[in-house]
Amino acid sequence: MSVNDAVVLVLLVSGLGFYAAGSLGLLRFPDTASRLHALTKADNVGLGLVALAAALYWGSAAVAVKIALVWLFAVIAAGTTSQLLARKARKDEDPDRR
């Protein structure tokens, strides 16, 4: 096993750990805002680590740029979606906020 393979493996395991932590936070936290925060932050970091592992594994600059763009769009989409879900949940919890 080369050093590159070891780094890729560590990044993948770390990314999967962040995914697991985000999923656990989604299941265990008490309110919507906490759940969304845990899921969004942990999944973005997990995706970043997995994307970095994939970029290192394939070793091409073109592939790395494409993976970075996918990660960037996922971060933007996750932030926007979590804001929309939090606003909807807040309106549903308090009927006077319409």
PDB file of N, CA and C in Angstrom:
ATOM      1  N   MET A   1       0.852  -1.175   0.000  1.00  0.00           N
ATOM      2  CA  MET A   1       0.000   0.000   0.000  1.00  0.00           C
ATOM      3  C   MET A   1       0.896   1.236   0.000  1.00  0.00           C
ATOM      4  N   SER A   2       0.636   2.115  -0.947  1.00  0.00           N
ATOM      5  CA  SER A   2       1.445   3.324  -1.055  1.00  0.00           C
ATOM      6  C   SER A   2       0.940   4.385  -0.082  1.00  0.00           C
ATOM      7  N   VAL A   3       1.707   5.447   0.045  1.00  0.00           N
ATOM      8  CA  VAL A   3       1.325   6.558   0.918  1.00  0.00           C
ATOM      9  C   VAL A   3       0.049   7.211   0.406  1.00  0.00           C
ATOM     10  N   ASN A   4      -0.061   7.350  -0.909  1.00  0.00           N
ATOM     11  CA  ASN A   4      -1.263   7.951  -1.499  1.00  0.00           C
ATOM     12  C   ASN A   4      -2.505   7.120  -1.155  1.00  0.00           C
ATOM     13  N   ASP A   5      -2.401   5.804  -1.243  1.00  0.00           N
ATOM     14  CA  ASP A   5      -3.526   4.941  -0.906  1.00  0.00           C
ATOM     15  C   ASP A   5      -3.899   5.066   0.568  1.00  0.00           C
ATOM     16  N   ALA A   6      -2.907   5.185   1.429  1.00  0.00           N
ATOM     17  CA  ALA A   6      -3.170   5.337   2.858  1.00  0.00           C
ATOM     18  C   ALA A   6      -3.873   6.660   3.150  1.00  0.00           C
ATOM     19  N   VAL A   7      -3.454   7.733   2.499  1.00  0.00           N
ATOM     20  CA  VAL A   7      -4.092   9.032   2.692  1.00  0.00           C
ATOM     21  C   VAL A   7      -5.532   8.990   2.190  1.00  0.00           C
ATOM     22  N   VAL A   8      -5.739   8.376   1.038  1.00  0.00           N
ATOM     23  CA  VAL A   8      -7.095   8.245   0.490  1.00  0.00           C
ATOM     24  C   VAL A   8      -7.978   7.458   1.465  1.00  0.00           C
ATOM     25  N   LEU A   9      -7.453   6.382   2.020  1.00  0.00           N
ATOM     26  CA  LEU A   9      -8.216   5.567   2.959  1.00  0.00           C
ATOM     27  C   LEU A   9      -8.567   6.358   4.221  1.00  0.00           C
ATOM     28  N   VAL A  10      -7.616   7.102   4.750  1.00  0.00           N
ATOM     29  CA  VAL A  10      -7.873   7.919   5.947  1.00  0.00           C
ATOM     30  C   VAL A  10      -8.935   8.981   5.648  1.00  0.00           C
ATOM     31  N   LEU A  11      -8.850   9.627   4.493  1.00  0.00           N
ATOM     32  CA  LEU A  11      -9.846  10.634   4.125  1.00  0.00           C
ATOM     33  C   LEU A  11     -11.234  10.023   3.967  1.00  0.00           C
ATOM     34  N   LEU A  12     -11.308   8.857   3.348  1.00  0.00           N
ATOM     35  CA  LEU A  12     -12.606   8.190   3.178  1.00  0.00           C
ATOM     36  C   LEU A  12     -13.220   7.794   4.517  1.00  0.00           C
ATOM     37  N   VAL A  13     -12.415   7.223   5.403  1.00  0.00           N
ATOM     38  CA  VAL A  13     -12.924   6.824   6.710  1.00  0.00           C
ATOM     39  C   VAL A  13     -13.349   8.051   7.517  1.00  0.00           C
ATOM     40  N   SER A  14     -12.578   9.125   7.425  1.00  0.00           N
ATOM     41  CA  SER A  14     -12.945  10.358   8.124  1.00  0.00           C
ATOM     42  C   SER A  14     -14.245  10.932   7.567  1.00  0.00           C
ATOM     43  N   GLY A  15     -14.380  10.943   6.264  1.00  0.00           N
ATOM     44  CA  GLY A  15     -15.604  11.433   5.639  1.00  0.00           C
ATOM     45  C   GLY A  15     -16.815  10.620   6.046  1.00  0.00           C
ATOM     46  N   LEU A  16     -16.666   9.308   6.068  1.00  0.00           N
ATOM     47  CA  LEU A  16     -17.767   8.452   6.495  1.00  0.00           C
ATOM     48  C   LEU A  16     -18.096   8.672   7.968  1.00  0.00           C
ATOM     49  N   GLY A  17     -17.083   8.974   8.771  1.00  0.00           N
ATOM     50  CA  GLY A  17     -17.332   9.303  10.177  1.00  0.00           C
ATOM     51  C   GLY A  17     -18.170  10.562  10.320  1.00  0.00           C
ATOM     52  N   PHE A  18     -17.882  11.571   9.515  1.00  0.00           N
ATOM     53  CA  PHE A  18     -18.685  12.792   9.553  1.00  0.00           C
ATOM     54  C   PHE A  18     -20.112  12.526   9.083  1.00  0.00           C
ATOM     55  N   TYR A  19     -20.270  11.703   8.059  1.00  0.00           N
ATOM     56  CA  TYR A  19     -21.616  11.330   7.611  1.00  0.00           C
ATOM     57  C   TYR A  19     -22.384  10.634   8.740  1.00  0.00           C
ATOM     58  N   ALA A  20     -21.720   9.727   9.430  1.00  0.00           N
ATOM     59  CA  ALA A  20     -22.368   9.010  10.532  1.00  0.00           C
ATOM     60  C   ALA A  20     -22.747   9.968  11.659  1.00  0.00           C
ATOM     61  N   ALA A  21     -21.862  10.905  11.983  1.00  0.00           N
ATOM     62  CA  ALA A  21     -22.160  11.877  13.039  1.00  0.00           C
ATOM     63  C   ALA A  21     -23.342  12.763  12.654  1.00  0.00           C
ATOM     64  N   GLY A  22     -23.412  13.180  11.407  1.00  0.00           N
ATOM     65  CA  GLY A  22     -24.538  13.984  10.952  1.00  0.00           C
ATOM     66  C   GLY A  22     -25.844  13.223  11.004  1.00  0.00           C
ATOM     67  N   SER A  23     -25.803  11.969  10.620  1.00  0.00           N
ATOM     68  CA  SER A  23     -27.013  11.138  10.670  1.00  0.00           C
ATOM     69  C   SER A  23     -27.451  10.898  12.111  1.00  0.00           C
ATOM     70  N   LEU A  24     -26.495  10.688  12.993  1.00  0.00           N
ATOM     71  CA  LEU A  24     -26.809  10.515  14.407  1.00  0.00           C
ATOM     72  C   LEU A  24     -27.409  11.798  14.984  1.00  0.00           C
ATOM     73  N   GLY A  25     -26.863  12.944  14.598  1.00  0.00           N
ATOM     74  CA  GLY A  25     -27.417  14.220  15.045  1.00  0.00           C
ATOM     75  C   GLY A  25     -28.830  14.435  14.542  1.00  0.00           C
ATOM     76  N   LEU A  26     -29.088  14.008  13.330  1.00  0.00           N
ATOM     77  CA  LEU A  26     -30.440  14.112  12.777  1.00  0.00           C
ATOM     78  C   LEU A  26     -31.429  13.296  13.594  1.00  0.00           C
ATOM     79  N   LEU A  27     -31.003  12.147  14.052  1.00  0.00           N
ATOM     80  CA  LEU A  27     -31.891  11.279  14.809  1.00  0.00           C
ATOM     81  C   LEU A  27     -32.005  11.659  16.287  1.00  0.00           C
ATOM     82  N   ARG A  28     -30.954  12.247  16.855  1.00  0.00           N
ATOM     83  CA  ARG A  28     -30.916  12.438  18.297  1.00  0.00           C
ATOM     84  C   ARG A  28     -31.232  13.844  18.785  1.00  0.00           C
ATOM     85  N   PHE A  29     -30.995  14.879  17.989  1.00  0.00           N
ATOM     86  CA  PHE A  29     -31.195  16.234  18.487  1.00  0.00           C
ATOM     87  C   PHE A  29     -32.670  16.553  18.629  1.00  0.00           C
ATOM     88  N   PRO A  30     -33.020  17.433  19.578  1.00  0.00           N
ATOM     89  CA  PRO A  30     -34.430  17.622  19.929  1.00  0.00           C
ATOM     90  C   PRO A  30     -35.247  18.510  18.989  1.00  0.00           C
ATOM     91  N   ASP A  31     -34.646  19.526  18.404  1.00  0.00           N
ATOM     92  CA  ASP A  31     -35.449  20.447  17.603  1.00  0.00           C
ATOM     93  C   ASP A  31     -34.940  20.506  16.160  1.00  0.00           C
ATOM     94  N   THR A  32     -35.755  21.123  15.324  1.00  0.00           N
ATOM     95  CA  THR A  32     -35.470  21.152  13.886  1.00  0.00           C
ATOM     96  C   THR A  32     -34.175  21.888  13.570  1.00  0.00           C
ATOM     97  N   ALA A  33     -33.953  23.032  14.219  1.00  0.00           N
ATOM     98  CA  ALA A  33     -32.751  23.814  13.920  1.00  0.00           C
ATOM     99  C   ALA A  33     -31.477  23.039  14.261  1.00  0.00           C
ATOM    100  N   SER A  34     -31.466  22.370  15.396  1.00  0.00           N
ATOM    101  CA  SER A  34     -30.293  21.567  15.778  1.00  0.00           C
ATOM    102  C   SER A  34     -30.066  20.415  14.814  1.00  0.00           C
ATOM    103  N   ARG A  35     -31.143  19.774  14.414  1.00  0.00           N
ATOM    104  CA  ARG A  35     -31.027  18.659  13.483  1.00  0.00           C
ATOM    105  C   ARG A  35     -30.475  19.114  12.135  1.00  0.00           C
ATOM    106  N   LEU A  36     -31.004  20.208  11.628  1.00  0.00           N
ATOM    107  CA  LEU A  36     -30.532  20.717  10.340  1.00  0.00           C
ATOM    108  C   LEU A  36     -29.082  21.159  10.410  1.00  0.00           C
ATOM    109  N   HIS A  37     -28.703  21.792  11.518  1.00  0.00           N
ATOM    110  CA  HIS A  37     -27.324  22.254  11.670  1.00  0.00           C
ATOM    111  C   HIS A  37     -26.363  21.069  11.675  1.00  0.00           C
ATOM    112  N   ALA A  38     -26.697  20.059  12.473  1.00  0.00           N
ATOM    113  CA  ALA A  38     -25.820  18.887  12.546  1.00  0.00           C
ATOM    114  C   ALA A  38     -25.709  18.193  11.193  1.00  0.00           C
ATOM    115  N   LEU A  39     -26.824  18.027  10.545  1.00  0.00           N
ATOM    116  CA  LEU A  39     -26.823  17.315   9.272  1.00  0.00           C
ATOM    117  C   LEU A  39     -26.088  18.101   8.190  1.00  0.00           C
ATOM    118  N   THR A  40     -26.368  19.397   8.088  1.00  0.00           N
ATOM    119  CA  THR A  40     -25.763  20.206   7.034  1.00  0.00           C
ATOM    120  C   THR A  40     -24.256  20.325   7.217  1.00  0.00           C
ATOM    121  N   LYS A  41     -23.825  20.670   8.406  1.00  0.00           N
ATOM    122  CA  LYS A  41     -22.384  20.865   8.636  1.00  0.00           C
ATOM    123  C   LYS A  41     -21.614  19.558   8.479  1.00  0.00           C
ATOM    124  N   ALA A  42     -22.091  18.506   9.114  1.00  0.00           N
ATOM    125  CA  ALA A  42     -21.359  17.242   9.063  1.00  0.00           C
ATOM    126  C   ALA A  42     -21.340  16.658   7.654  1.00  0.00           C
ATOM    127  N   ASP A  43     -22.452  16.756   6.953  1.00  0.00           N
ATOM    128  CA  ASP A  43     -22.482  16.211   5.592  1.00  0.00           C
ATOM    129  C   ASP A  43     -21.605  17.010   4.634  1.00  0.00           C
ATOM    130  N   ASN A  44     -21.532  18.309   4.816  1.00  0.00           N
ATOM    131  CA  ASN A  44     -20.660  19.109   3.956  1.00  0.00           C
ATOM    132  C   ASN A  44     -19.190  18.773   4.185  1.00  0.00           C
ATOM    133  N   VAL A  45     -18.802  18.613   5.441  1.00  0.00           N
ATOM    134  CA  VAL A  45     -17.414  18.235   5.726  1.00  0.00           C
ATOM    135  C   VAL A  45     -17.145  16.812   5.236  1.00  0.00           C
ATOM    136  N   GLY A  46     -18.103  15.909   5.464  1.00  0.00           N
ATOM    137  CA  GLY A  46     -17.935  14.530   4.995  1.00  0.00           C
ATOM    138  C   GLY A  46     -17.798  14.457   3.489  1.00  0.00           C
ATOM    139  N   LEU A  47     -18.644  15.204   2.780  1.00  0.00           N
ATOM    140  CA  LEU A  47     -18.549  15.227   1.326  1.00  0.00           C
ATOM    141  C   LEU A  47     -17.221  15.833   0.875  1.00  0.00           C
ATOM    142  N   GLY A  48     -16.762  16.856   1.562  1.00  0.00           N
ATOM    143  CA  GLY A  48     -15.468  17.462   1.216  1.00  0.00           C
ATOM    144  C   GLY A  48     -14.321  16.473   1.372  1.00  0.00           C
ATOM    145  N   LEU A  49     -14.345  15.698   2.453  1.00  0.00           N
ATOM    146  CA  LEU A  49     -13.280  14.714   2.663  1.00  0.00           C
ATOM    147  C   LEU A  49     -13.344  13.583   1.635  1.00  0.00           C
ATOM    148  N   VAL A  50     -14.538  13.123   1.329  1.00  0.00           N
ATOM    149  CA  VAL A  50     -14.685  12.068   0.317  1.00  0.00           C
ATOM    150  C   VAL A  50     -14.284  12.603  -1.058  1.00  0.00           C
ATOM    151  N   ALA A  51     -14.655  13.839  -1.350  1.00  0.00           N
ATOM    152  CA  ALA A  51     -14.274  14.443  -2.633  1.00  0.00           C
ATOM    153  C   ALA A  51     -12.763  14.607  -2.734  1.00  0.00           C
ATOM    154  N   LEU A  52     -12.139  15.017  -1.636  1.00  0.00           N
ATOM    155  CA  LEU A  52     -10.678  15.143  -1.640  1.00  0.00           C
ATOM    156  C   LEU A  52     -10.020  13.780  -1.840  1.00  0.00           C
ATOM    157  N   ALA A  53     -10.567  12.753  -1.213  1.00  0.00           N
ATOM    158  CA  ALA A  53     -10.035  11.402  -1.399  1.00  0.00           C
ATOM    159  C   ALA A  53     -10.169  10.961  -2.850  1.00  0.00           C
ATOM    160  N   ALA A  54     -11.317  11.252  -3.468  1.00  0.00           N
ATOM    161  CA  ALA A  54     -11.514  10.877  -4.873  1.00  0.00           C
ATOM    162  C   ALA A  54     -10.551  11.639  -5.784  1.00  0.00           C
ATOM    163  N   ALA A  55     -10.358  12.915  -5.497  1.00  0.00           N
ATOM    164  CA  ALA A  55      -9.434  13.708  -6.322  1.00  0.00           C
ATOM    165  C   ALA A  55      -8.003  13.185  -6.205  1.00  0.00           C
ATOM    166  N   LEU A  56      -7.604  12.808  -5.000  1.00  0.00           N
ATOM    167  CA  LEU A  56      -6.259  12.252  -4.823  1.00  0.00           C
ATOM    168  C   LEU A  56      -6.138  10.876  -5.478  1.00  0.00           C
ATOM    169  N   TYR A  57      -7.186  10.096  -5.407  1.00  0.00           N
ATOM    170  CA  TYR A  57      -7.142   8.752  -5.976  1.00  0.00           C
ATOM    171  C   TYR A  57      -6.965   8.794  -7.485  1.00  0.00           C
ATOM    172  N   TRP A  58      -7.747   9.657  -8.153  1.00  0.00           N
ATOM    173  CA  TRP A  58      -7.644   9.717  -9.612  1.00  0.00           C
ATOM    174  C   TRP A  58      -6.466  10.554 -10.074  1.00  0.00           C
ATOM    175  N   GLY A  59      -6.016  11.500  -9.291  1.00  0.00           N
ATOM    176  CA  GLY A  59      -4.786  12.210  -9.559  1.00  0.00           C
ATOM    177  C   GLY A  59      -4.779  13.128 -10.765  1.00  0.00           C
ATOM    178  N   SER A  60      -5.927  13.463 -11.296  1.00  0.00           N
ATOM    179  CA  SER A  60      -6.008  14.335 -12.461  1.00  0.00           C
ATOM    180  C   SER A  60      -6.522  15.707 -12.028  1.00  0.00           C
ATOM    181  N   ALA A  61      -5.926  16.748 -12.566  1.00  0.00           N
ATOM    182  CA  ALA A  61      -6.359  18.109 -12.232  1.00  0.00           C
ATOM    183  C   ALA A  61      -7.769  18.378 -12.749  1.00  0.00           C
ATOM    184  N   ALA A  62      -8.088  17.861 -13.912  1.00  0.00           N
ATOM    185  CA  ALA A  62      -9.432  18.066 -14.475  1.00  0.00           C
ATOM    186  C   ALA A  62     -10.494  17.390 -13.614  1.00  0.00           C
ATOM    187  N   VAL A  63     -10.206  16.186 -13.146  1.00  0.00           N
ATOM    188  CA  VAL A  63     -11.145  15.483 -12.275  1.00  0.00           C
ATOM    189  C   VAL A  63     -11.273  16.217 -10.947  1.00  0.00           C
ATOM    190  N   ALA A  64     -10.169  16.716 -10.422  1.00  0.00           N
ATOM    191  CA  ALA A  64     -10.192  17.440  -9.152  1.00  0.00           C
ATOM    192  C   ALA A  64     -11.045  18.703  -9.249  1.00  0.00           C
ATOM    193  N   VAL A  65     -10.960  19.413 -10.354  1.00  0.00           N
ATOM    194  CA  VAL A  65     -11.770  20.625 -10.543  1.00  0.00           C
ATOM    195  C   VAL A  65     -13.248  20.265 -10.625  1.00  0.00           C
ATOM    196  N   LYS A  66     -13.572  19.210 -11.341  1.00  0.00           N
ATOM    197  CA  LYS A  66     -14.978  18.786 -11.448  1.00  0.00           C
ATOM    198  C   LYS A  66     -15.527  18.370 -10.083  1.00  0.00           C
ATOM    199  N   ILE A  67     -14.748  17.636  -9.331  1.00  0.00           N
ATOM    200  CA  ILE A  67     -15.177  17.213  -7.997  1.00  0.00           C
ATOM    201  C   ILE A  67     -15.340  18.425  -7.079  1.00  0.00           C
ATOM    202  N   ALA A  68     -14.435  19.388  -7.184  1.00  0.00           N
ATOM    203  CA  ALA A  68     -14.545  20.602  -6.365  1.00  0.00           C
ATOM    204  C   ALA A  68     -15.806  21.389  -6.713  1.00  0.00           C
ATOM    205  N   LEU A  69     -16.160  21.435  -7.974  1.00  0.00           N
ATOM    206  CA  LEU A  69     -17.393  22.126  -8.370  1.00  0.00           C
ATOM    207  C   LEU A  69     -18.631  21.410  -7.843  1.00  0.00           C
ATOM    208  N   VAL A  70     -18.627  20.095  -7.893  1.00  0.00           N
ATOM    209  CA  VAL A  70     -19.752  19.330  -7.342  1.00  0.00           C
ATOM    210  C   VAL A  70     -19.878  19.607  -5.850  1.00  0.00           C
ATOM    211  N   TRP A  71     -18.758  19.606  -5.136  1.00  0.00           N
ATOM    212  CA  TRP A  71     -18.771  19.879  -3.698  1.00  0.00           C
ATOM    213  C   TRP A  71     -19.285  21.290  -3.424  1.00  0.00           C
ATOM    214  N   LEU A  72     -18.837  22.261  -4.205  1.00  0.00           N
ATOM    215  CA  LEU A  72     -19.277  23.646  -4.021  1.00  0.00           C
ATOM    216  C   LEU A  72     -20.781  23.773  -4.229  1.00  0.00           C
ATOM    217  N   PHE A  73     -21.301  23.179  -5.281  1.00  0.00           N
ATOM    218  CA  PHE A  73     -22.740  23.236  -5.521  1.00  0.00           C
ATOM    219  C   PHE A  73     -23.521  22.523  -4.424  1.00  0.00           C
ATOM    220  N   ALA A  74     -22.992  21.428  -3.903  1.00  0.00           N
ATOM    221  CA  ALA A  74     -23.661  20.712  -2.812  1.00  0.00           C
ATOM    222  C   ALA A  74     -23.690  21.553  -1.542  1.00  0.00           C
ATOM    223  N   VAL A  75     -22.619  22.274  -1.258  1.00  0.00           N
ATOM    224  CA  VAL A  75     -22.579  23.156  -0.084  1.00  0.00           C
ATOM    225  C   VAL A  75     -23.611  24.267  -0.220  1.00  0.00           C
ATOM    226  N   ILE A  76     -23.691  24.862  -1.378  1.00  0.00           N
ATOM    227  CA  ILE A  76     -24.669  25.938  -1.610  1.00  0.00           C
ATOM    228  C   ILE A  76     -26.090  25.394  -1.503  1.00  0.00           C
ATOM    229  N   ALA A  77     -26.337  24.250  -2.112  1.00  0.00           N
ATOM    230  CA  ALA A  77     -27.679  23.663  -2.083  1.00  0.00           C
ATOM    231  C   ALA A  77     -28.076  23.252  -0.663  1.00  0.00           C
ATOM    232  N   ALA A  78     -27.150  22.705   0.095  1.00  0.00           N
ATOM    233  CA  ALA A  78     -27.456  22.278   1.461  1.00  0.00           C
ATOM    234  C   ALA A  78     -27.788  23.474   2.344  1.00  0.00           C
ATOM    235  N   GLY A  79     -27.020  24.543   2.217  1.00  0.00           N
ATOM    236  CA  GLY A  79     -27.302  25.744   3.006  1.00  0.00           C
ATOM    237  C   GLY A  79     -28.642  26.359   2.669  1.00  0.00           C
ATOM    238  N   THR A  80     -28.934  26.450   1.402  1.00  0.00           N
ATOM    239  CA  THR A  80     -30.208  27.025   0.964  1.00  0.00           C
ATOM    240  C   THR A  80     -31.382  26.151   1.394  1.00  0.00           C
ATOM    241  N   THR A  81     -31.254  24.859   1.207  1.00  0.00           N
ATOM    242  CA  THR A  81     -32.332  23.942   1.569  1.00  0.00           C
ATOM    243  C   THR A  81     -32.579  23.942   3.067  1.00  0.00           C
ATOM    244  N   SER A  82     -31.517  23.953   3.867  1.00  0.00           N
ATOM    245  CA  SER A  82     -31.714  23.943   5.314  1.00  0.00           C
ATOM    246  C   SER A  82     -32.370  25.229   5.799  1.00  0.00           C
ATOM    247  N   GLN A  83     -32.046  26.362   5.177  1.00  0.00           N
ATOM    248  CA  GLN A  83     -32.707  27.618   5.541  1.00  0.00           C
ATOM    249  C   GLN A  83     -34.198  27.557   5.224  1.00  0.00           C
ATOM    250  N   LEU A  84     -34.551  27.044   4.062  1.00  0.00           N
ATOM    251  CA  LEU A  84     -35.958  26.935   3.685  1.00  0.00           C
ATOM    252  C   LEU A  84     -36.717  25.981   4.604  1.00  0.00           C
ATOM    253  N   LEU A  85     -36.103  24.856   4.938  1.00  0.00           N
ATOM    254  CA  LEU A  85     -36.749  23.906   5.835  1.00  0.00           C
ATOM    255  C   LEU A  85     -36.915  24.488   7.240  1.00  0.00           C
ATOM    256  N   ALA A  86     -35.915  25.206   7.722  1.00  0.00           N
ATOM    257  CA  ALA A  86     -36.002  25.811   9.054  1.00  0.00           C
ATOM    258  C   ALA A  86     -37.091  26.874   9.104  1.00  0.00           C
ATOM    259  N   ARG A  87     -37.213  27.678   8.079  1.00  0.00           N
ATOM    260  CA  ARG A  87     -38.275  28.689   8.044  1.00  0.00           C
ATOM    261  C   ARG A  87     -39.650  28.037   8.019  1.00  0.00           C
ATOM    262  N   LYS A  88     -39.798  26.995   7.234  1.00  0.00           N
ATOM    263  CA  LYS A  88     -41.078  26.292   7.163  1.00  0.00           C
ATOM    264  C   LYS A  88     -41.415  25.658   8.508  1.00  0.00           C
ATOM    265  N   ALA A  89     -40.450  25.042   9.151  1.00  0.00           N
ATOM    266  CA  ALA A  89     -40.685  24.413  10.450  1.00  0.00           C
ATOM    267  C   ALA A  89     -41.042  25.463  11.500  1.00  0.00           C
ATOM    268  N   ARG A  90     -40.391  26.601  11.433  1.00  0.00           N
ATOM    269  CA  ARG A  90     -40.680  27.668  12.404  1.00  0.00           C
ATOM    270  C   ARG A  90     -42.098  28.202  12.215  1.00  0.00           C
ATOM    271  N   LYS A  91     -42.520  28.354  10.982  1.00  0.00           N
ATOM    272  CA  LYS A  91     -43.892  28.799  10.728  1.00  0.00           C
ATOM    273  C   LYS A  91     -44.908  27.759  11.191  1.00  0.00           C
ATOM    274  N   ASP A  92     -44.601  26.492  11.003  1.00  0.00           N
ATOM    275  CA  ASP A  92     -45.515  25.435  11.425  1.00  0.00           C
ATOM    276  C   ASP A  92     -45.610  25.330  12.949  1.00  0.00           C
ATOM    277  N   GLU A  93     -44.506  25.626  13.649  1.00  0.00           N
ATOM    278  CA  GLU A  93     -44.514  25.541  15.106  1.00  0.00           C
ATOM    279  C   GLU A  93     -45.237  26.714  15.747  1.00  0.00           C
ATOM    280  N   ASP A  94     -45.209  27.883  15.131  1.00  0.00           N
ATOM    281  CA  ASP A  94     -45.829  29.079  15.700  1.00  0.00           C
ATOM    282  C   ASP A  94     -46.852  29.622  14.690  1.00  0.00           C
ATOM    283  N   PRO A  95     -48.137  29.353  14.910  1.00  0.00           N
ATOM    284  CA  PRO A  95     -49.148  29.764  13.921  1.00  0.00           C
ATOM    285  C   PRO A  95     -49.298  31.284  13.793  1.00  0.00           C
ATOM    286  N   ASP A  96     -48.804  32.078  14.736  1.00  0.00           N
ATOM    287  CA  ASP A  96     -48.892  33.534  14.644  1.00  0.00           C
ATOM    288  C   ASP A  96     -47.856  34.132  13.695  1.00  0.00           C
ATOM    289  N   ARG A  97     -46.900  33.354  13.229  1.00  0.00           N
ATOM    290  CA  ARG A  97     -45.820  33.855  12.361  1.00  0.00           C
ATOM    291  C   ARG A  97     -46.145  33.640  10.892  1.00  0.00           C
ATOM    292  N   ARG A  98     -47.273  33.981  10.434  1.00  0.00           N
ATOM    293  CA  ARG A  98     -47.627  33.774   9.032  1.00  0.00           C
ATOM    294  C   ARG A  98     -47.602  35.033   8.301  1.00  0.00           C
TER     295      ARG A  98
END
